[in-house]
Amino acid sequence: MLTWRPDPSVGEAATYVAEVQDYYAAPRTLVEDLPPVTTASGSLAARPVTTPVIEGTRTARIEVTHEGTTAHVDLGQALRGHRFAHRESPAAADASGAADAWSALRAPGLVWTQSGDATVDATAQEDLVVLALLGRLYPENLTLRPADHSAERSAARPAARTTTDDTGPGRLTLLVDPAEAH
């Protein structure tokens, strides 16, 4: 929760709250159910937006647009994803499956996997788009890794379509430009 007063002379402050207080209960979409990666998403544009103040509270979102279509990600969830993401070196092993960044942002609920590891390629995307992806990906077992530009990108492979009896999340890796891996 964050309380903010836009101007000291303004008597009312707004308290920002996360849209979903308990992310364990949030709806989820399996990476395996997203369309397979065929081409890169291209450049996505993002900006912060807020909802109107209702009874002293509001939510903030990251609005991401691509080719005239918009996706919204809760800022509270994005900051939660940033806080819990593990950081890795570029030399870490590639994942077996892949998801398109735009498809992940447009998916309902939080994106996760139960069928092994999966990668979302956010290289060449602006910081706010990366933060939005951190908010869309289920925060448990989430890894933020700088891309090794000299190696073939793992996101070019089709998503794995296998199933498992495991009930816990598999590892999701978000590939980013090296400067954004903090």
N, C-alpha and C. Protein backbone atom coordinates (compact mmCIF):
# COMPACT_ATOMS: atom_id res chain seq x y z
N MET A 1 0.85 -1.16 0.00
CA MET A 1 0.00 0.00 0.00
C MET A 1 0.90 1.23 0.00
N LEU A 2 0.53 2.23 -0.75
CA LEU A 2 1.27 3.48 -0.87
C LEU A 2 0.27 4.62 -0.75
N THR A 3 0.58 5.59 0.10
CA THR A 3 -0.27 6.77 0.21
C THR A 3 0.48 7.93 -0.40
N TRP A 4 -0.21 8.69 -1.25
CA TRP A 4 0.43 9.77 -1.98
C TRP A 4 -0.47 10.98 -2.01
N ARG A 5 0.11 12.15 -1.80
CA ARG A 5 -0.58 13.42 -1.91
C ARG A 5 0.10 14.18 -3.04
N PRO A 6 -0.56 14.42 -4.17
CA PRO A 6 0.09 15.03 -5.33
C PRO A 6 0.63 16.43 -5.08
N ASP A 7 0.05 17.16 -4.14
CA ASP A 7 0.46 18.53 -3.88
C ASP A 7 0.27 18.77 -2.38
N PRO A 8 1.26 19.32 -1.68
CA PRO A 8 1.11 19.55 -0.24
C PRO A 8 -0.10 20.40 0.12
N SER A 9 -0.54 21.25 -0.81
CA SER A 9 -1.70 22.09 -0.51
C SER A 9 -3.02 21.34 -0.65
N VAL A 10 -2.99 20.17 -1.27
CA VAL A 10 -4.20 19.36 -1.44
C VAL A 10 -4.47 18.63 -0.13
N GLY A 11 -5.66 18.77 0.38
CA GLY A 11 -5.99 18.18 1.68
C GLY A 11 -6.19 16.68 1.63
N GLU A 12 -6.56 16.14 0.48
CA GLU A 12 -6.85 14.71 0.40
C GLU A 12 -5.68 13.95 -0.20
N ALA A 13 -5.39 12.82 0.39
CA ALA A 13 -4.37 11.92 -0.15
C ALA A 13 -5.08 10.69 -0.69
N ALA A 14 -4.47 10.04 -1.65
CA ALA A 14 -5.01 8.79 -2.20
C ALA A 14 -4.10 7.65 -1.76
N THR A 15 -4.70 6.55 -1.40
CA THR A 15 -3.94 5.36 -1.04
C THR A 15 -4.02 4.39 -2.20
N TYR A 16 -2.86 4.00 -2.73
CA TYR A 16 -2.80 3.04 -3.83
C TYR A 16 -2.79 1.63 -3.25
N VAL A 17 -3.63 0.77 -3.78
CA VAL A 17 -3.70 -0.62 -3.34
C VAL A 17 -3.56 -1.52 -4.55
N ALA A 18 -3.05 -2.71 -4.33
CA ALA A 18 -2.95 -3.70 -5.40
C ALA A 18 -4.35 -4.18 -5.77
N GLU A 19 -4.58 -4.44 -7.06
CA GLU A 19 -5.89 -4.93 -7.49
C GLU A 19 -6.22 -6.27 -6.87
N VAL A 20 -5.21 -7.14 -6.78
CA VAL A 20 -5.39 -8.46 -6.18
C VAL A 20 -4.50 -8.53 -4.95
N GLN A 21 -5.11 -8.56 -3.77
CA GLN A 21 -4.33 -8.58 -2.54
C GLN A 21 -3.60 -9.90 -2.36
N ASP A 22 -4.21 -11.01 -2.75
CA ASP A 22 -3.63 -12.34 -2.57
C ASP A 22 -3.36 -12.94 -3.95
N TYR A 23 -2.11 -12.85 -4.41
CA TYR A 23 -1.82 -13.33 -5.77
C TYR A 23 -1.93 -14.84 -5.87
N TYR A 24 -1.89 -15.57 -4.77
CA TYR A 24 -2.11 -17.03 -4.81
C TYR A 24 -3.51 -17.34 -5.35
N ALA A 25 -4.46 -16.47 -5.06
CA ALA A 25 -5.85 -16.68 -5.48
C ALA A 25 -6.15 -16.07 -6.85
N ALA A 26 -5.20 -15.38 -7.45
CA ALA A 26 -5.42 -14.73 -8.74
C ALA A 26 -5.62 -15.78 -9.84
N PRO A 27 -6.44 -15.47 -10.83
CA PRO A 27 -6.59 -16.39 -11.96
C PRO A 27 -5.24 -16.58 -12.65
N ARG A 28 -5.06 -17.72 -13.31
CA ARG A 28 -3.78 -18.03 -13.97
C ARG A 28 -4.01 -18.56 -15.37
N THR A 29 -3.00 -18.33 -16.21
CA THR A 29 -2.97 -18.88 -17.57
C THR A 29 -1.67 -19.64 -17.72
N LEU A 30 -1.74 -20.86 -18.20
CA LEU A 30 -0.54 -21.65 -18.45
C LEU A 30 0.19 -21.14 -19.69
N VAL A 31 1.50 -21.06 -19.62
CA VAL A 31 2.31 -20.69 -20.78
C VAL A 31 1.99 -21.62 -21.94
N GLU A 32 1.79 -22.87 -21.63
CA GLU A 32 1.52 -23.87 -22.67
C GLU A 32 0.22 -23.59 -23.42
N ASP A 33 -0.68 -22.79 -22.84
CA ASP A 33 -1.94 -22.44 -23.50
C ASP A 33 -1.84 -21.17 -24.35
N LEU A 34 -0.70 -20.48 -24.29
CA LEU A 34 -0.50 -19.29 -25.11
C LEU A 34 -0.13 -19.70 -26.53
N PRO A 35 -0.37 -18.83 -27.52
CA PRO A 35 0.02 -19.17 -28.88
C PRO A 35 1.53 -19.40 -28.96
N PRO A 36 1.98 -20.34 -29.80
CA PRO A 36 3.42 -20.56 -29.93
C PRO A 36 4.12 -19.33 -30.51
N VAL A 37 5.37 -19.16 -30.14
CA VAL A 37 6.15 -18.03 -30.63
C VAL A 37 6.47 -18.27 -32.11
N THR A 38 6.05 -17.32 -32.95
CA THR A 38 6.36 -17.43 -34.38
C THR A 38 7.30 -16.30 -34.80
N THR A 39 7.04 -15.10 -34.31
CA THR A 39 7.91 -13.96 -34.58
C THR A 39 7.99 -13.12 -33.31
N ALA A 40 8.96 -12.26 -33.24
CA ALA A 40 9.08 -11.37 -32.09
C ALA A 40 7.89 -10.43 -32.04
N SER A 41 7.53 -10.00 -30.83
CA SER A 41 6.40 -9.09 -30.65
C SER A 41 6.63 -7.73 -31.27
N GLY A 42 7.87 -7.36 -31.43
CA GLY A 42 8.17 -6.00 -31.87
C GLY A 42 8.16 -5.08 -30.67
N SER A 43 8.37 -3.82 -30.92
CA SER A 43 8.45 -2.85 -29.84
C SER A 43 7.07 -2.60 -29.23
N LEU A 44 7.02 -2.61 -27.92
CA LEU A 44 5.80 -2.33 -27.19
C LEU A 44 5.97 -0.99 -26.48
N ALA A 45 4.91 -0.23 -26.34
CA ALA A 45 4.96 1.06 -25.65
C ALA A 45 4.19 0.95 -24.34
N ALA A 46 4.71 1.59 -23.29
CA ALA A 46 4.07 1.50 -21.99
C ALA A 46 4.03 2.87 -21.31
N ARG A 47 3.01 3.03 -20.45
CA ARG A 47 2.90 4.24 -19.65
C ARG A 47 2.11 3.91 -18.39
N PRO A 48 2.38 4.62 -17.29
CA PRO A 48 1.59 4.39 -16.07
C PRO A 48 0.25 5.12 -16.17
N VAL A 49 -0.79 4.51 -15.65
CA VAL A 49 -2.12 5.13 -15.58
C VAL A 49 -2.72 4.81 -14.21
N THR A 50 -3.63 5.66 -13.76
CA THR A 50 -4.28 5.43 -12.47
C THR A 50 -5.79 5.39 -12.66
N THR A 51 -6.44 4.73 -11.74
CA THR A 51 -7.90 4.71 -11.72
C THR A 51 -8.38 5.90 -10.89
N PRO A 52 -9.63 6.28 -11.00
CA PRO A 52 -10.14 7.37 -10.15
C PRO A 52 -10.10 6.98 -8.67
N VAL A 53 -10.02 7.99 -7.81
CA VAL A 53 -10.05 7.77 -6.36
C VAL A 53 -11.48 7.42 -5.97
N ILE A 54 -11.63 6.29 -5.30
CA ILE A 54 -12.94 5.88 -4.79
C ILE A 54 -12.76 5.60 -3.30
N GLU A 55 -13.44 6.40 -2.49
CA GLU A 55 -13.35 6.30 -1.03
C GLU A 55 -11.90 6.33 -0.55
N GLY A 56 -11.11 7.21 -1.14
CA GLY A 56 -9.73 7.42 -0.70
C GLY A 56 -8.71 6.43 -1.23
N THR A 57 -9.13 5.47 -2.07
CA THR A 57 -8.17 4.51 -2.62
C THR A 57 -8.24 4.50 -4.15
N ARG A 58 -7.15 4.09 -4.74
CA ARG A 58 -7.09 3.94 -6.20
C ARG A 58 -6.06 2.86 -6.51
N THR A 59 -6.08 2.39 -7.74
CA THR A 59 -5.06 1.46 -8.21
C THR A 59 -4.28 2.14 -9.33
N ALA A 60 -3.08 1.68 -9.51
CA ALA A 60 -2.24 2.17 -10.61
C ALA A 60 -1.92 0.98 -11.50
N ARG A 61 -1.84 1.24 -12.78
CA ARG A 61 -1.56 0.19 -13.75
C ARG A 61 -0.47 0.64 -14.71
N ILE A 62 0.11 -0.34 -15.36
CA ILE A 62 0.98 -0.08 -16.49
C ILE A 62 0.16 -0.45 -17.72
N GLU A 63 -0.01 0.50 -18.61
CA GLU A 63 -0.76 0.28 -19.83
C GLU A 63 0.25 0.04 -20.95
N VAL A 64 0.16 -1.12 -21.58
CA VAL A 64 1.08 -1.48 -22.66
C VAL A 64 0.28 -1.56 -23.95
N THR A 65 0.78 -0.91 -25.01
CA THR A 65 0.08 -0.92 -26.29
C THR A 65 0.97 -1.51 -27.38
N HIS A 66 0.30 -2.18 -28.31
CA HIS A 66 0.96 -2.79 -29.45
C HIS A 66 -0.03 -2.83 -30.60
N GLU A 67 0.30 -2.16 -31.69
CA GLU A 67 -0.54 -2.15 -32.89
C GLU A 67 -2.00 -1.81 -32.58
N GLY A 68 -2.21 -0.78 -31.75
CA GLY A 68 -3.55 -0.31 -31.45
C GLY A 68 -4.30 -1.09 -30.39
N THR A 69 -3.72 -2.12 -29.82
CA THR A 69 -4.36 -2.91 -28.78
C THR A 69 -3.66 -2.63 -27.45
N THR A 70 -4.43 -2.66 -26.37
CA THR A 70 -3.90 -2.31 -25.06
C THR A 70 -4.04 -3.46 -24.08
N ALA A 71 -3.03 -3.62 -23.23
CA ALA A 71 -3.07 -4.56 -22.10
C ALA A 71 -2.75 -3.76 -20.84
N HIS A 72 -3.36 -4.13 -19.72
CA HIS A 72 -3.12 -3.45 -18.45
C HIS A 72 -2.55 -4.45 -17.44
N VAL A 73 -1.56 -3.99 -16.68
CA VAL A 73 -0.96 -4.80 -15.63
C VAL A 73 -0.94 -3.97 -14.36
N ASP A 74 -1.39 -4.54 -13.27
CA ASP A 74 -1.42 -3.85 -11.99
C ASP A 74 -0.01 -3.48 -11.54
N LEU A 75 0.21 -2.22 -11.19
CA LEU A 75 1.53 -1.77 -10.76
C LEU A 75 1.96 -2.47 -9.47
N GLY A 76 1.04 -2.70 -8.55
CA GLY A 76 1.38 -3.41 -7.32
C GLY A 76 1.90 -4.81 -7.60
N GLN A 77 1.27 -5.52 -8.52
CA GLN A 77 1.73 -6.86 -8.89
C GLN A 77 3.07 -6.77 -9.62
N ALA A 78 3.26 -5.74 -10.45
CA ALA A 78 4.54 -5.57 -11.16
C ALA A 78 5.68 -5.36 -10.16
N LEU A 79 5.44 -4.55 -9.15
CA LEU A 79 6.47 -4.33 -8.14
C LEU A 79 6.71 -5.59 -7.30
N ARG A 80 5.65 -6.36 -7.06
CA ARG A 80 5.81 -7.64 -6.37
C ARG A 80 6.67 -8.58 -7.20
N GLY A 81 6.42 -8.66 -8.50
CA GLY A 81 7.23 -9.50 -9.38
C GLY A 81 8.68 -9.06 -9.41
N HIS A 82 8.91 -7.74 -9.46
CA HIS A 82 10.29 -7.22 -9.44
C HIS A 82 11.00 -7.59 -8.15
N ARG A 83 10.30 -7.49 -7.05
CA ARG A 83 10.90 -7.78 -5.74
C ARG A 83 11.27 -9.26 -5.61
N PHE A 84 10.43 -10.16 -6.09
CA PHE A 84 10.67 -11.59 -5.90
C PHE A 84 11.47 -12.27 -7.00
N ALA A 85 11.71 -11.59 -8.12
CA ALA A 85 12.43 -12.22 -9.24
C ALA A 85 13.87 -12.52 -8.85
N HIS A 86 14.32 -13.73 -9.20
CA HIS A 86 15.72 -14.10 -9.02
C HIS A 86 16.51 -13.48 -10.17
N ARG A 87 17.78 -13.18 -9.92
CA ARG A 87 18.64 -12.63 -10.98
C ARG A 87 19.68 -13.68 -11.35
N GLU A 88 19.92 -13.85 -12.67
CA GLU A 88 20.89 -14.83 -13.17
C GLU A 88 21.85 -14.16 -14.13
N SER A 89 22.93 -14.87 -14.39
CA SER A 89 23.90 -14.40 -15.38
C SER A 89 23.43 -14.82 -16.78
N PRO A 90 23.97 -14.19 -17.83
CA PRO A 90 23.58 -14.55 -19.20
C PRO A 90 23.94 -15.98 -19.56
N ALA A 91 24.90 -16.59 -18.88
CA ALA A 91 25.36 -17.93 -19.24
C ALA A 91 24.46 -19.04 -18.71
N ALA A 92 23.38 -18.71 -18.02
CA ALA A 92 22.49 -19.74 -17.46
C ALA A 92 21.86 -20.57 -18.58
N ALA A 93 21.41 -21.76 -18.23
CA ALA A 93 20.85 -22.69 -19.21
C ALA A 93 19.54 -22.15 -19.80
N ASP A 94 19.30 -22.49 -21.06
CA ASP A 94 18.06 -22.09 -21.71
C ASP A 94 16.90 -22.96 -21.25
N ALA A 95 15.71 -22.41 -21.34
CA ALA A 95 14.50 -23.13 -20.98
C ALA A 95 14.02 -23.96 -22.16
N SER A 96 13.14 -24.91 -21.87
CA SER A 96 12.65 -25.80 -22.91
C SER A 96 11.50 -25.20 -23.74
N GLY A 97 10.75 -24.25 -23.19
CA GLY A 97 9.62 -23.66 -23.90
C GLY A 97 9.77 -22.16 -23.98
N ALA A 98 8.87 -21.53 -24.74
CA ALA A 98 8.95 -20.08 -24.91
C ALA A 98 7.55 -19.50 -25.02
N ALA A 99 7.44 -18.22 -24.64
CA ALA A 99 6.18 -17.50 -24.78
C ALA A 99 6.48 -16.12 -25.34
N ASP A 100 5.58 -15.63 -26.16
CA ASP A 100 5.69 -14.30 -26.73
C ASP A 100 5.34 -13.27 -25.67
N ALA A 101 6.11 -12.19 -25.57
CA ALA A 101 5.89 -11.15 -24.56
C ALA A 101 4.49 -10.56 -24.66
N TRP A 102 4.05 -10.23 -25.87
CA TRP A 102 2.72 -9.63 -26.04
C TRP A 102 1.63 -10.61 -25.65
N SER A 103 1.77 -11.87 -26.01
CA SER A 103 0.77 -12.88 -25.62
C SER A 103 0.71 -13.01 -24.10
N ALA A 104 1.86 -12.97 -23.45
CA ALA A 104 1.89 -13.06 -21.98
C ALA A 104 1.19 -11.85 -21.37
N LEU A 105 1.43 -10.67 -21.90
CA LEU A 105 0.79 -9.46 -21.36
C LEU A 105 -0.72 -9.47 -21.57
N ARG A 106 -1.19 -10.06 -22.63
CA ARG A 106 -2.63 -10.10 -22.94
C ARG A 106 -3.36 -11.25 -22.26
N ALA A 107 -2.63 -12.19 -21.70
CA ALA A 107 -3.27 -13.36 -21.07
C ALA A 107 -4.05 -12.95 -19.83
N PRO A 108 -5.17 -13.63 -19.56
CA PRO A 108 -5.90 -13.33 -18.34
C PRO A 108 -5.16 -13.86 -17.12
N GLY A 109 -5.17 -13.09 -16.05
CA GLY A 109 -4.54 -13.52 -14.79
C GLY A 109 -3.02 -13.53 -14.90
N LEU A 110 -2.41 -14.33 -14.06
CA LEU A 110 -0.96 -14.46 -14.02
C LEU A 110 -0.52 -15.63 -14.89
N VAL A 111 0.56 -15.46 -15.62
CA VAL A 111 1.07 -16.50 -16.51
C VAL A 111 2.06 -17.36 -15.73
N TRP A 112 1.91 -18.68 -15.86
CA TRP A 112 2.81 -19.60 -15.17
C TRP A 112 2.96 -20.87 -15.98
N THR A 113 3.80 -21.78 -15.52
CA THR A 113 3.97 -23.06 -16.20
C THR A 113 4.08 -24.17 -15.18
N GLN A 114 3.59 -25.34 -15.55
CA GLN A 114 3.75 -26.55 -14.76
C GLN A 114 4.54 -27.58 -15.55
N SER A 115 4.87 -27.28 -16.79
CA SER A 115 5.50 -28.26 -17.68
C SER A 115 6.96 -27.92 -17.94
N GLY A 116 7.74 -27.81 -16.91
CA GLY A 116 9.15 -27.50 -17.09
C GLY A 116 9.38 -26.01 -17.12
N ASP A 117 10.49 -25.60 -17.70
CA ASP A 117 10.89 -24.20 -17.74
C ASP A 117 10.41 -23.54 -19.02
N ALA A 118 10.13 -22.25 -18.95
CA ALA A 118 9.71 -21.49 -20.12
C ALA A 118 10.37 -20.11 -20.08
N THR A 119 10.56 -19.52 -21.24
CA THR A 119 11.22 -18.23 -21.39
C THR A 119 10.30 -17.24 -22.09
N VAL A 120 10.34 -15.99 -21.62
CA VAL A 120 9.67 -14.88 -22.30
C VAL A 120 10.78 -13.90 -22.67
N ASP A 121 10.87 -13.55 -23.94
CA ASP A 121 11.93 -12.68 -24.43
C ASP A 121 11.45 -11.23 -24.41
N ALA A 122 12.05 -10.42 -23.52
CA ALA A 122 11.72 -8.99 -23.42
C ALA A 122 12.91 -8.13 -23.83
N THR A 123 13.85 -8.71 -24.59
CA THR A 123 14.98 -7.91 -25.04
C THR A 123 14.48 -6.83 -25.98
N ALA A 124 15.13 -5.70 -25.98
CA ALA A 124 14.81 -4.54 -26.80
C ALA A 124 13.50 -3.86 -26.38
N GLN A 125 12.96 -4.22 -25.22
CA GLN A 125 11.76 -3.57 -24.71
C GLN A 125 12.16 -2.52 -23.67
N GLU A 126 11.36 -1.48 -23.54
CA GLU A 126 11.63 -0.44 -22.55
C GLU A 126 11.41 -0.97 -21.14
N ASP A 127 12.01 -0.29 -20.16
CA ASP A 127 11.96 -0.72 -18.76
C ASP A 127 10.53 -0.93 -18.26
N LEU A 128 9.61 -0.05 -18.63
CA LEU A 128 8.24 -0.16 -18.14
C LEU A 128 7.54 -1.40 -18.70
N VAL A 129 7.87 -1.81 -19.90
CA VAL A 129 7.32 -3.05 -20.47
C VAL A 129 7.87 -4.25 -19.69
N VAL A 130 9.16 -4.22 -19.38
CA VAL A 130 9.76 -5.31 -18.58
C VAL A 130 9.08 -5.38 -17.22
N LEU A 131 8.84 -4.23 -16.59
CA LEU A 131 8.16 -4.21 -15.30
C LEU A 131 6.75 -4.77 -15.43
N ALA A 132 6.05 -4.43 -16.50
CA ALA A 132 4.71 -4.97 -16.73
C ALA A 132 4.76 -6.50 -16.86
N LEU A 133 5.74 -7.01 -17.57
CA LEU A 133 5.88 -8.47 -17.69
C LEU A 133 6.16 -9.11 -16.33
N LEU A 134 6.98 -8.46 -15.52
CA LEU A 134 7.22 -8.99 -14.17
C LEU A 134 5.92 -9.05 -13.37
N GLY A 135 4.99 -8.16 -13.68
CA GLY A 135 3.69 -8.18 -13.01
C GLY A 135 2.73 -9.19 -13.58
N ARG A 136 2.91 -9.61 -14.81
CA ARG A 136 2.02 -10.59 -15.43
C ARG A 136 2.48 -12.02 -15.17
N LEU A 137 3.77 -12.23 -14.96
CA LEU A 137 4.30 -13.58 -14.73
C LEU A 137 4.17 -13.95 -13.26
N TYR A 138 3.73 -15.16 -13.00
CA TYR A 138 3.55 -15.61 -11.62
C TYR A 138 4.87 -15.48 -10.87
N PRO A 139 4.88 -14.79 -9.72
CA PRO A 139 6.16 -14.42 -9.09
C PRO A 139 6.96 -15.55 -8.46
N GLU A 140 6.37 -16.70 -8.20
CA GLU A 140 7.16 -17.80 -7.64
C GLU A 140 7.94 -18.46 -8.76
N ASN A 141 9.22 -18.67 -8.52
CA ASN A 141 10.08 -19.35 -9.48
C ASN A 141 10.27 -18.53 -10.76
N LEU A 142 10.33 -17.21 -10.61
CA LEU A 142 10.51 -16.28 -11.73
C LEU A 142 11.96 -15.80 -11.73
N THR A 143 12.60 -15.86 -12.88
CA THR A 143 14.01 -15.48 -13.02
C THR A 143 14.14 -14.37 -14.05
N LEU A 144 14.90 -13.35 -13.71
CA LEU A 144 15.22 -12.25 -14.62
C LEU A 144 16.65 -12.47 -15.07
N ARG A 145 16.85 -12.60 -16.39
CA ARG A 145 18.19 -12.93 -16.89
C ARG A 145 18.55 -12.06 -18.08
N PRO A 146 19.76 -11.45 -18.04
CA PRO A 146 20.20 -10.71 -19.22
C PRO A 146 20.44 -11.66 -20.38
N ALA A 147 20.00 -11.26 -21.55
CA ALA A 147 20.16 -12.10 -22.74
C ALA A 147 21.61 -12.08 -23.20
N ASP A 148 22.06 -13.21 -23.69
CA ASP A 148 23.39 -13.31 -24.29
C ASP A 148 23.17 -13.10 -25.79
N HIS A 149 23.47 -11.91 -26.28
CA HIS A 149 23.18 -11.58 -27.67
C HIS A 149 24.00 -12.37 -28.67
N SER A 150 25.07 -13.03 -28.23
CA SER A 150 25.88 -13.80 -29.16
C SER A 150 25.32 -15.21 -29.37
N ALA A 151 24.44 -15.64 -28.47
CA ALA A 151 23.87 -16.98 -28.58
C ALA A 151 22.50 -16.92 -29.24
N GLU A 152 22.06 -18.04 -29.77
CA GLU A 152 20.72 -18.12 -30.35
C GLU A 152 19.71 -17.95 -29.24
N ARG A 153 18.68 -17.16 -29.46
CA ARG A 153 17.69 -16.91 -28.43
C ARG A 153 16.80 -18.13 -28.24
N SER A 154 16.60 -18.50 -26.97
CA SER A 154 15.75 -19.65 -26.68
C SER A 154 14.29 -19.37 -27.01
N ALA A 155 13.87 -18.11 -27.07
CA ALA A 155 12.48 -17.80 -27.35
C ALA A 155 12.08 -18.12 -28.79
N ALA A 156 13.05 -18.42 -29.64
CA ALA A 156 12.73 -18.77 -31.02
C ALA A 156 12.21 -20.19 -31.13
N ARG A 157 12.35 -20.98 -30.09
CA ARG A 157 11.84 -22.35 -30.11
C ARG A 157 10.35 -22.37 -29.78
N PRO A 158 9.61 -23.33 -30.29
CA PRO A 158 8.20 -23.40 -29.94
C PRO A 158 8.02 -23.80 -28.49
N ALA A 159 6.89 -23.41 -27.92
CA ALA A 159 6.60 -23.74 -26.52
C ALA A 159 6.42 -25.24 -26.36
N ALA A 160 6.93 -25.75 -25.26
CA ALA A 160 6.77 -27.17 -24.94
C ALA A 160 5.30 -27.44 -24.65
N ARG A 161 4.77 -28.53 -25.15
CA ARG A 161 3.36 -28.86 -24.96
C ARG A 161 3.22 -30.15 -24.15
N THR A 162 4.09 -30.35 -23.20
CA THR A 162 4.01 -31.56 -22.39
C THR A 162 3.21 -31.27 -21.13
N THR A 163 2.76 -32.33 -20.46
CA THR A 163 2.03 -32.17 -19.21
C THR A 163 2.77 -32.89 -18.10
N THR A 164 2.43 -32.53 -16.89
CA THR A 164 3.05 -33.13 -15.72
C THR A 164 2.02 -33.22 -14.61
N ASP A 165 2.29 -34.06 -13.63
CA ASP A 165 1.40 -34.18 -12.49
C ASP A 165 1.77 -33.21 -11.38
N ASP A 166 2.87 -32.47 -11.53
CA ASP A 166 3.29 -31.52 -10.50
C ASP A 166 2.24 -30.43 -10.35
N THR A 167 2.05 -29.96 -9.13
CA THR A 167 1.09 -28.90 -8.91
C THR A 167 1.77 -27.55 -8.69
N GLY A 168 3.07 -27.53 -8.46
CA GLY A 168 3.81 -26.28 -8.25
C GLY A 168 4.22 -25.68 -9.57
N PRO A 169 4.60 -24.38 -9.53
CA PRO A 169 4.99 -23.72 -10.77
C PRO A 169 6.36 -24.16 -11.25
N GLY A 170 6.52 -24.26 -12.58
CA GLY A 170 7.82 -24.45 -13.18
C GLY A 170 8.53 -23.10 -13.22
N ARG A 171 9.75 -23.09 -13.69
CA ARG A 171 10.51 -21.84 -13.72
C ARG A 171 10.20 -21.05 -14.98
N LEU A 172 9.90 -19.76 -14.80
CA LEU A 172 9.73 -18.82 -15.90
C LEU A 172 10.94 -17.91 -15.90
N THR A 173 11.55 -17.74 -17.07
CA THR A 173 12.70 -16.86 -17.21
C THR A 173 12.32 -15.71 -18.13
N LEU A 174 12.58 -14.49 -17.67
CA LEU A 174 12.33 -13.29 -18.45
C LEU A 174 13.67 -12.79 -18.95
N LEU A 175 13.89 -12.89 -20.28
CA LEU A 175 15.13 -12.40 -20.88
C LEU A 175 15.04 -10.90 -21.11
N VAL A 176 16.05 -10.17 -20.67
CA VAL A 176 16.06 -8.72 -20.80
C VAL A 176 17.41 -8.27 -21.32
N ASP A 177 17.50 -7.03 -21.75
CA ASP A 177 18.79 -6.46 -22.13
C ASP A 177 19.65 -6.36 -20.86
N PRO A 178 20.96 -6.54 -20.97
CA PRO A 178 21.82 -6.55 -19.78
C PRO A 178 21.66 -5.35 -18.85
N ALA A 179 21.43 -4.16 -19.37
CA ALA A 179 21.31 -2.97 -18.53
C ALA A 179 20.05 -3.02 -17.67
N GLU A 180 19.05 -3.82 -18.04
CA GLU A 180 17.78 -3.87 -17.31
C GLU A 180 17.72 -5.02 -16.32
N ALA A 181 18.76 -5.77 -16.14
CA ALA A 181 18.73 -6.98 -15.30
C ALA A 181 19.01 -6.66 -13.84
N HIS A 182 18.51 -5.59 -13.35
CA HIS A 182 18.73 -5.25 -11.94
C HIS A 182 17.47 -5.32 -11.13
